[in-house]
Amino acid sequence: MSILCYAADMSLRIALLGLLDATGPASGYDLAKSFERSLNHVWQAGHTQIYPELVKMAADGLVAVESEGARGRKIYAITPEGAERLRSWLIEHEPTGAIRSEVALQAFLLPLLDKESAIAVVERIRARLQQRLAVLECKDPSKFGRYALNLGLSQGRSGLAWADETLAELRGLEPADQPAPAT
């Protein structure tokens, strides 16, 4: 399968296939909860995105409804075609590297602010990065997803270093005058 064939594949679709392959059959609710626990720092998706995508994936033969319970609760399982699509995507797909980041957008637009406002924005960003890093540091690195966790930890630490350097620059401090970064 060529890279061009993946243009129609959404990352949500691949993430759902990956979760089903890794954890086994699950309902849309279970998959949404799994997103919250494991993929949320990599990719966000809520119930309103997951349920319609599962229906489309079933129509495309990537997942099958394994059972249906009370109130229409459906348990989905990955099909062999879905497993092959996931494997092909992992092996052949060249990630774009494109990132949509509100943090990066605010960093880009910082020069539009006066010094004190810019400092306040970077302090707020730093606090959020610190919170996110603290959450990631509490995750079990031995479980499935550890490589993404390590990437998230590295990005979090790098983000904190950027915030500290930017705050020092905005405050007019020399590198030797900078306070030691708090982690």
Protein backbone atom coordinates (compact mmCIF):
# COMPACT_ATOMS: atom_id res chain seq x y z
CA MET A 1 0.00 0.00 0.00
CA SER A 2 1.44 3.37 -0.94
CA ILE A 3 1.69 6.39 1.29
CA LEU A 4 -0.94 8.15 -0.81
CA CYS A 5 -3.51 5.52 0.17
CA TYR A 6 -3.31 6.75 3.73
CA ALA A 7 -4.65 10.21 2.96
CA ALA A 8 -8.16 8.96 3.76
CA ASP A 9 -7.01 7.20 6.94
CA MET A 10 -7.60 9.36 9.95
CA SER A 11 -5.35 9.09 12.95
CA LEU A 12 -8.47 8.44 15.04
CA ARG A 13 -9.20 5.38 12.93
CA ILE A 14 -5.66 4.08 13.38
CA ALA A 15 -5.73 4.81 17.12
CA LEU A 16 -9.00 2.89 17.50
CA LEU A 17 -7.62 -0.05 15.53
CA GLY A 18 -4.50 0.01 17.71
CA LEU A 19 -6.49 0.05 20.94
CA LEU A 20 -8.71 -2.81 19.78
CA ASP A 21 -5.68 -4.81 18.67
CA ALA A 22 -3.81 -4.19 21.93
CA THR A 23 -6.64 -4.60 24.43
CA GLY A 24 -9.17 -6.79 22.64
CA PRO A 25 -12.87 -6.25 21.94
CA ALA A 26 -14.41 -3.16 23.51
CA SER A 27 -17.43 -0.89 23.39
CA GLY A 28 -17.29 2.71 22.24
CA TYR A 29 -17.54 3.75 25.88
CA ASP A 30 -14.63 1.49 26.82
CA LEU A 31 -12.55 2.89 23.96
CA ALA A 32 -13.30 6.48 25.03
CA LYS A 33 -12.18 5.63 28.57
CA SER A 34 -9.08 3.94 27.18
CA PHE A 35 -8.29 7.12 25.24
CA GLU A 36 -8.55 9.13 28.46
CA ARG A 37 -6.18 6.78 30.31
CA SER A 38 -3.59 6.10 27.64
CA LEU A 39 -3.70 8.15 24.44
CA ASN A 40 -4.96 11.47 25.76
CA HIS A 41 -1.47 13.01 25.85
CA VAL A 42 -0.95 11.94 22.21
CA TRP A 43 -4.37 12.24 20.59
CA GLN A 44 -7.65 13.52 21.99
CA ALA A 45 -10.97 12.01 20.99
CA GLY A 46 -14.31 12.02 22.73
CA HIS A 47 -17.44 9.93 22.56
CA THR A 48 -18.90 12.16 19.84
CA GLN A 49 -15.96 11.32 17.56
CA ILE A 50 -15.43 7.69 18.53
CA TYR A 51 -18.96 6.32 18.07
CA PRO A 52 -19.47 7.58 14.49
CA GLU A 53 -15.97 6.46 13.51
CA LEU A 54 -16.65 2.93 14.80
CA VAL A 55 -19.80 2.78 12.65
CA LYS A 56 -17.80 3.87 9.58
CA MET A 57 -15.04 1.39 10.41
CA ALA A 58 -17.60 -1.42 10.67
CA ALA A 59 -19.04 -0.41 7.29
CA ASP A 60 -15.49 -0.50 5.87
CA GLY A 61 -14.87 -3.99 7.31
CA LEU A 62 -12.08 -2.87 9.67
CA VAL A 63 -14.01 -3.79 12.82
CA ALA A 64 -16.97 -6.07 13.46
CA VAL A 65 -19.70 -5.96 16.06
CA GLU A 66 -18.87 -8.97 18.19
CA SER A 67 -21.92 -8.68 20.41
CA GLU A 68 -24.75 -6.31 21.17
CA GLY A 69 -26.02 -5.77 24.68
CA ALA A 70 -28.66 -3.83 26.52
CA ARG A 71 -29.53 -0.36 25.24
CA GLY A 72 -27.71 -1.01 21.97
CA ARG A 73 -24.25 -1.31 23.55
CA LYS A 74 -22.01 -2.82 20.89
CA ILE A 75 -18.75 -4.60 21.47
CA TYR A 76 -16.36 -4.10 18.57
CA ALA A 77 -13.46 -6.32 17.59
CA ILE A 78 -10.76 -5.69 15.02
CA THR A 79 -11.10 -7.76 11.86
CA PRO A 80 -8.20 -9.32 9.96
CA GLU A 81 -8.58 -6.53 7.39
CA GLY A 82 -8.41 -3.96 10.22
CA ALA A 83 -5.32 -5.63 11.67
CA GLU A 84 -3.66 -5.58 8.24
CA ARG A 85 -4.56 -1.89 7.75
CA LEU A 86 -3.04 -1.07 11.15
CA ARG A 87 0.11 -3.07 10.43
CA SER A 88 0.52 -1.49 6.99
CA TRP A 89 0.03 1.97 8.42
CA LEU A 90 2.63 1.36 11.14
CA ILE A 91 5.19 -0.03 8.70
CA GLU A 92 4.61 2.14 5.63
CA HIS A 93 3.10 5.44 6.73
CA GLU A 94 5.47 8.39 6.89
CA PRO A 95 4.18 10.71 9.64
CA THR A 96 3.81 14.29 8.48
CA GLY A 97 5.27 15.70 11.67
CA ALA A 98 2.72 18.48 11.42
CA ILE A 99 1.71 19.62 14.87
CA ARG A 100 -1.17 21.85 15.81
CA SER A 101 -0.17 23.35 19.11
CA GLU A 102 -1.81 26.26 20.86
CA VAL A 103 1.31 26.55 23.00
CA ALA A 104 3.46 26.99 19.89
CA LEU A 105 0.98 29.49 18.46
CA GLN A 106 1.08 31.55 21.66
CA ALA A 107 4.88 31.35 21.64
CA PHE A 108 4.90 32.59 18.06
CA LEU A 109 2.62 35.51 18.92
CA LEU A 110 4.37 36.53 22.18
CA PRO A 111 6.08 39.55 20.56
CA LEU A 112 2.64 41.13 20.15
CA LEU A 113 2.39 41.52 23.93
CA ASP A 114 4.06 43.88 26.33
CA LYS A 115 6.81 42.35 28.48
CA GLU A 116 4.72 41.73 31.62
CA SER A 117 1.84 40.16 29.68
CA ALA A 118 4.28 37.95 27.76
CA ILE A 119 5.84 36.82 31.04
CA ALA A 120 2.38 36.00 32.42
CA VAL A 121 1.56 33.94 29.32
CA VAL A 122 4.83 31.96 29.50
CA GLU A 123 4.36 31.39 33.25
CA ARG A 124 0.87 30.03 32.55
CA ILE A 125 2.24 27.79 29.78
CA ARG A 126 5.04 26.62 32.08
CA ALA A 127 2.57 25.75 34.85
CA ARG A 128 0.46 23.74 32.40
CA LEU A 129 3.54 21.94 31.07
CA GLN A 130 4.60 21.15 34.64
CA GLN A 131 1.14 19.71 35.43
CA ARG A 132 1.17 17.59 32.30
CA LEU A 133 4.68 16.32 33.04
CA ALA A 134 3.65 15.43 36.60
CA VAL A 135 0.75 13.36 35.24
CA LEU A 136 3.00 11.58 32.76
CA GLU A 137 5.61 10.87 35.44
CA CYS A 138 2.94 8.96 37.40
CA LYS A 139 2.18 6.61 34.50
CA ASP A 140 3.53 3.05 34.50
CA PRO A 141 6.31 2.95 31.88
CA SER A 142 6.23 -0.85 31.65
CA LYS A 143 2.78 -0.97 30.08
CA PHE A 144 1.71 -0.77 26.45
CA GLY A 145 2.40 2.74 25.16
CA ARG A 146 5.70 3.21 26.97
CA TYR A 147 7.44 4.60 23.88
CA ALA A 148 4.79 7.28 23.50
CA LEU A 149 5.07 7.93 27.24
CA ASN A 150 8.83 8.38 26.93
CA LEU A 151 8.28 10.76 24.02
CA GLY A 152 5.74 12.72 26.08
CA LEU A 153 8.14 12.92 29.03
CA SER A 154 10.94 14.13 26.79
CA GLN A 155 8.68 16.73 25.16
CA GLY A 156 7.46 17.87 28.58
CA ARG A 157 10.98 18.36 29.89
CA SER A 158 11.98 20.13 26.70
CA GLY A 159 8.92 22.38 26.99
CA LEU A 160 9.87 23.30 30.56
CA ALA A 161 13.41 24.12 29.45
CA TRP A 162 11.98 26.34 26.69
CA ALA A 163 9.71 28.12 29.19
CA ASP A 164 12.59 28.71 31.61
CA GLU A 165 14.83 30.06 28.84
CA THR A 166 12.06 32.27 27.48
CA LEU A 167 11.21 33.64 30.92
CA ALA A 168 14.89 34.40 31.55
CA GLU A 169 15.12 36.23 28.23
CA LEU A 170 11.92 38.20 28.85
CA ARG A 171 13.14 39.14 32.33
CA GLY A 172 16.53 40.16 30.93
CA LEU A 173 18.50 37.63 32.97
CA GLU A 174 21.87 36.33 31.89
CA PRO A 175 22.19 32.53 31.77
CA ALA A 176 24.17 32.51 35.04
CA ASP A 177 21.43 34.58 36.71
CA GLN A 178 18.70 32.12 35.86
CA PRO A 179 17.14 30.23 38.74
CA ALA A 180 17.57 26.47 38.59
CA PRO A 181 14.66 24.92 36.67
CA ALA A 182 12.04 23.40 38.93
CA THR A 183 10.77 20.01 37.82
